N, C-alpha and C. Protein backbone atom coordinates (compact mmCIF):
# COMPACT_ATOMS: atom_id res chain seq x y z
N UNK A 1 0.89 -1.35 -0.13
CA UNK A 1 -0.03 0.20 -0.33
C UNK A 1 0.91 1.58 -0.27
N UNK A 2 0.79 2.03 -0.51
CA UNK A 2 1.28 3.60 -1.52
C UNK A 2 1.42 4.58 0.28
N UNK A 3 1.68 4.98 0.62
CA UNK A 3 1.50 5.84 1.63
C UNK A 3 1.85 6.92 1.51
N UNK A 4 0.47 7.70 1.80
CA UNK A 4 -0.45 8.68 1.62
C UNK A 4 -0.11 9.75 2.65
N UNK A 5 0.68 10.80 2.52
CA UNK A 5 0.72 12.11 3.85
C UNK A 5 0.56 13.24 3.10
N UNK A 6 -0.05 13.32 3.84
CA UNK A 6 -0.27 15.67 3.41
C UNK A 6 -0.21 16.39 4.65
N UNK A 7 0.83 16.93 4.97
CA UNK A 7 0.79 18.03 6.00
C UNK A 7 -0.51 19.55 6.55
N UNK A 8 -0.96 19.94 6.94
CA UNK A 8 -1.72 20.37 6.91
C UNK A 8 -1.23 21.84 8.37
N UNK A 9 -1.90 22.60 7.65
CA UNK A 9 -1.73 23.74 9.45
C UNK A 9 -2.46 24.46 9.04
N UNK A 10 -3.04 25.16 10.04
CA UNK A 10 -3.86 25.36 11.07
C UNK A 10 -4.44 27.10 10.96
N UNK A 11 -5.14 28.13 11.58
CA UNK A 11 -5.75 29.00 11.19
C UNK A 11 -4.03 30.43 12.22
N UNK A 12 -3.21 29.18 13.39
CA UNK A 12 -2.56 29.97 14.07
C UNK A 12 -0.92 29.29 13.47
N UNK A 13 -1.22 28.40 13.33
CA UNK A 13 0.02 27.90 12.43
C UNK A 13 0.21 28.81 11.38
N UNK A 14 -0.20 29.45 10.59
CA UNK A 14 0.17 30.40 9.13
C UNK A 14 0.21 31.32 10.07
N UNK A 15 0.67 32.07 10.95
CA UNK A 15 1.46 32.91 11.50
C UNK A 15 2.76 32.08 12.40
N UNK A 16 2.15 31.29 13.26
CA UNK A 16 3.76 31.18 13.76
C UNK A 16 4.88 29.74 12.99
N UNK A 17 4.05 29.18 11.81
CA UNK A 17 4.94 28.28 11.35
C UNK A 17 5.29 28.83 9.81
N UNK A 18 3.94 28.75 9.01
CA UNK A 18 4.89 29.76 7.10
C UNK A 18 5.40 31.34 7.75
N UNK A 19 4.93 31.84 9.19
CA UNK A 19 4.52 33.51 8.81
C UNK A 19 4.56 34.09 8.37
N UNK A 20 2.99 34.27 7.73
CA UNK A 20 2.03 35.30 7.61
C UNK A 20 0.96 35.82 9.04
N UNK A 21 1.40 37.42 8.21
CA UNK A 21 0.78 37.87 9.38
C UNK A 21 -0.53 38.24 9.19
N UNK A 22 -0.76 37.10 8.36
CA UNK A 22 -2.13 38.24 8.35
C UNK A 22 -3.82 37.68 9.22
N UNK A 23 -4.73 38.54 9.10
CA UNK A 23 -6.04 38.25 10.23
C UNK A 23 -5.96 37.03 9.32
N UNK A 24 -7.72 35.99 10.24
CA UNK A 24 -8.08 35.47 9.60
C UNK A 24 -9.30 36.41 8.93
N UNK A 25 -9.85 37.62 9.06
CA UNK A 25 -10.54 38.18 7.91
C UNK A 25 -9.86 38.25 7.05
N UNK A 26 -8.73 38.74 6.86
CA UNK A 26 -7.89 39.21 5.39
C UNK A 26 -7.67 37.65 4.39
N UNK A 27 -7.56 37.00 5.08
CA UNK A 27 -6.95 35.10 4.72
C UNK A 27 -8.51 35.57 3.85
N UNK A 28 -9.78 34.89 4.65
CA UNK A 28 -11.09 34.90 3.74
C UNK A 28 -11.06 35.57 2.51
N UNK A 29 -10.51 37.02 2.78
CA UNK A 29 -10.69 37.92 1.77
C UNK A 29 -10.37 36.82 0.39
N UNK A 30 -9.02 37.08 1.11
CA UNK A 30 -7.52 36.64 -0.56
C UNK A 30 -8.21 34.86 -1.25
N UNK A 31 -9.31 34.48 0.02
CA UNK A 31 -9.27 32.95 -0.42
C UNK A 31 -10.63 33.63 -1.61
N UNK A 32 -11.51 34.38 -1.56
CA UNK A 32 -12.65 34.96 -1.77
C UNK A 32 -12.11 35.69 -3.27
N UNK A 33 -10.89 35.80 -2.82
CA UNK A 33 -11.13 36.51 -4.03
C UNK A 33 -9.80 35.47 -5.77
N UNK A 34 -9.57 34.31 -4.98
CA UNK A 34 -8.80 33.22 -5.43
C UNK A 34 -7.24 33.61 -5.76
N UNK A 35 -6.75 33.95 -3.95
CA UNK A 35 -5.61 34.91 -4.41
C UNK A 35 -4.84 34.39 -2.72
N UNK A 36 -5.36 33.23 -2.19
CA UNK A 36 -4.96 32.14 -1.44
C UNK A 36 -5.26 31.13 -1.76
N UNK A 37 -4.52 30.11 -0.83
CA UNK A 37 -4.95 28.33 -1.45
C UNK A 37 -6.65 28.38 -0.84
N UNK A 38 -7.32 27.26 -0.87
CA UNK A 38 -8.73 27.15 -0.44
C UNK A 38 -8.70 26.57 0.87
N UNK A 39 -8.72 27.03 1.83
CA UNK A 39 -9.43 25.98 3.18
C UNK A 39 -10.22 24.64 3.07
N UNK A 40 -9.26 23.77 4.01
CA UNK A 40 -10.01 21.86 4.12
C UNK A 40 -11.66 22.80 5.41
N UNK A 41 -12.10 22.46 5.08
CA UNK A 41 -12.44 21.67 6.31
C UNK A 41 -13.15 20.62 6.62
N UNK A 42 -12.42 20.66 8.69
CA UNK A 42 -12.13 19.25 8.57
C UNK A 42 -13.78 18.98 9.54
N UNK A 43 -13.83 19.87 9.61
CA UNK A 43 -15.55 19.47 10.82
C UNK A 43 -15.83 21.23 10.98
N UNK A 44 -17.26 21.36 12.13
CA UNK A 44 -17.42 22.09 12.27
C UNK A 44 -16.97 23.73 12.41
N UNK A 45 -16.34 23.62 13.20
CA UNK A 45 -15.21 24.99 13.79
C UNK A 45 -13.74 24.43 13.40
N UNK A 46 -13.75 23.57 12.41
CA UNK A 46 -12.23 22.76 12.21
C UNK A 46 -11.50 23.63 10.88
N UNK A 47 -11.27 24.15 10.43
CA UNK A 47 -10.55 24.13 9.17
C UNK A 47 -8.56 24.19 8.81
N UNK A 48 -8.38 24.31 7.91
CA UNK A 48 -7.18 24.41 7.98
C UNK A 48 -6.44 24.15 6.31
N UNK A 49 -4.83 24.54 6.01
CA UNK A 49 -5.28 24.06 4.85
C UNK A 49 -3.61 23.65 4.24
N UNK A 50 -3.64 23.48 3.51
CA UNK A 50 -2.17 22.50 3.30
C UNK A 50 -0.69 23.30 2.87
N UNK A 51 -0.32 22.60 3.81
CA UNK A 51 1.00 23.14 3.89
C UNK A 51 1.29 23.50 2.44
N UNK A 52 1.53 22.04 1.72
CA UNK A 52 2.27 22.16 0.28
C UNK A 52 1.62 23.53 -0.90
N UNK A 53 -0.02 24.11 -0.40
CA UNK A 53 -0.24 24.84 -1.28
C UNK A 53 -0.04 25.87 -0.96
N UNK A 54 0.24 26.36 0.23
CA UNK A 54 0.74 27.54 1.07
C UNK A 54 2.23 27.68 1.07
N UNK A 55 2.97 27.40 0.76
CA UNK A 55 3.99 26.64 0.74
C UNK A 55 4.80 27.26 -0.76
N UNK A 56 3.94 27.09 -1.95
CA UNK A 56 3.83 27.22 -3.09
C UNK A 56 3.42 28.80 -3.12
N UNK A 57 2.27 29.02 -2.79
CA UNK A 57 1.55 30.33 -2.64
C UNK A 57 3.29 31.54 -2.19
N UNK A 58 4.05 31.48 -1.06
CA UNK A 58 4.15 32.01 -1.00
C UNK A 58 6.00 31.84 -1.53
N UNK A 59 5.84 30.93 -2.15
CA UNK A 59 7.23 30.76 -3.77
C UNK A 59 6.73 31.60 -4.43
N UNK A 60 5.50 31.77 -5.36
CA UNK A 60 4.77 32.51 -6.33
C UNK A 60 5.05 33.96 -5.56
N UNK A 61 5.25 34.81 -4.23
CA UNK A 61 5.38 35.79 -4.07
C UNK A 61 6.32 36.29 -3.47
N UNK A 62 7.57 35.61 -3.81
CA UNK A 62 8.68 35.89 -3.58
C UNK A 62 9.88 35.56 -5.05
N UNK A 63 9.12 35.03 -5.64
CA UNK A 63 8.92 34.81 -7.78
C UNK A 63 9.52 36.78 -7.86
N UNK A 64 7.82 36.95 -7.09
CA UNK A 64 7.43 37.77 -7.83
C UNK A 64 7.62 39.04 -7.77
N UNK A 65 8.68 39.01 -6.45
CA UNK A 65 9.68 40.49 -6.21
C UNK A 65 11.20 40.48 -6.35
N UNK A 66 11.40 38.68 -6.78
CA UNK A 66 12.58 38.64 -7.81
C UNK A 66 12.93 39.28 -9.37
N UNK A 67 11.73 39.32 -9.64
CA UNK A 67 11.24 39.54 -10.95
C UNK A 67 11.16 40.96 -11.28
N UNK A 68 10.46 41.18 -10.19
CA UNK A 68 10.37 43.05 -9.92
C UNK A 68 11.54 43.74 -10.12
N UNK A 69 12.76 43.23 -8.42
CA UNK A 69 13.68 43.54 -8.15
C UNK A 69 14.90 44.06 -10.13
N UNK A 70 14.77 42.78 -10.48
CA UNK A 70 15.24 42.23 -12.17
C UNK A 70 14.73 43.20 -12.29
N UNK A 71 13.80 43.70 -12.39
CA UNK A 71 12.86 44.85 -13.59
C UNK A 71 13.31 45.91 -13.17
N UNK A 72 13.05 46.33 -12.18
CA UNK A 72 13.47 47.50 -11.76
C UNK A 72 15.47 48.40 -11.61
N UNK A 73 16.16 46.94 -11.99
CA UNK A 73 17.22 46.99 -11.69
C UNK A 73 18.19 47.08 -13.23
N UNK A 74 17.04 45.99 -14.25
CA UNK A 74 17.57 46.67 -15.31
C UNK A 74 17.89 48.49 -16.87
N UNK A 75 18.58 48.07 -17.11
CA UNK A 75 18.53 49.53 -17.81
C UNK A 75 17.97 48.84 -19.19
């Protein structure tokens, strides 16, 4: 049997583990706009995000920053 493993992060861990300083309300707005990974509802009062999707979102932000920095310094 293949091993199936997904890591998830809670709303609190978005701040403590991933370093994302956004409020829950702002995360919800970003999700609604399609600008942040969608949450996974585990229960009535429990939501999480896939760590791999959050990391990909952060990587995209870093790549955007680096592309802008390169464009700003190119003459």
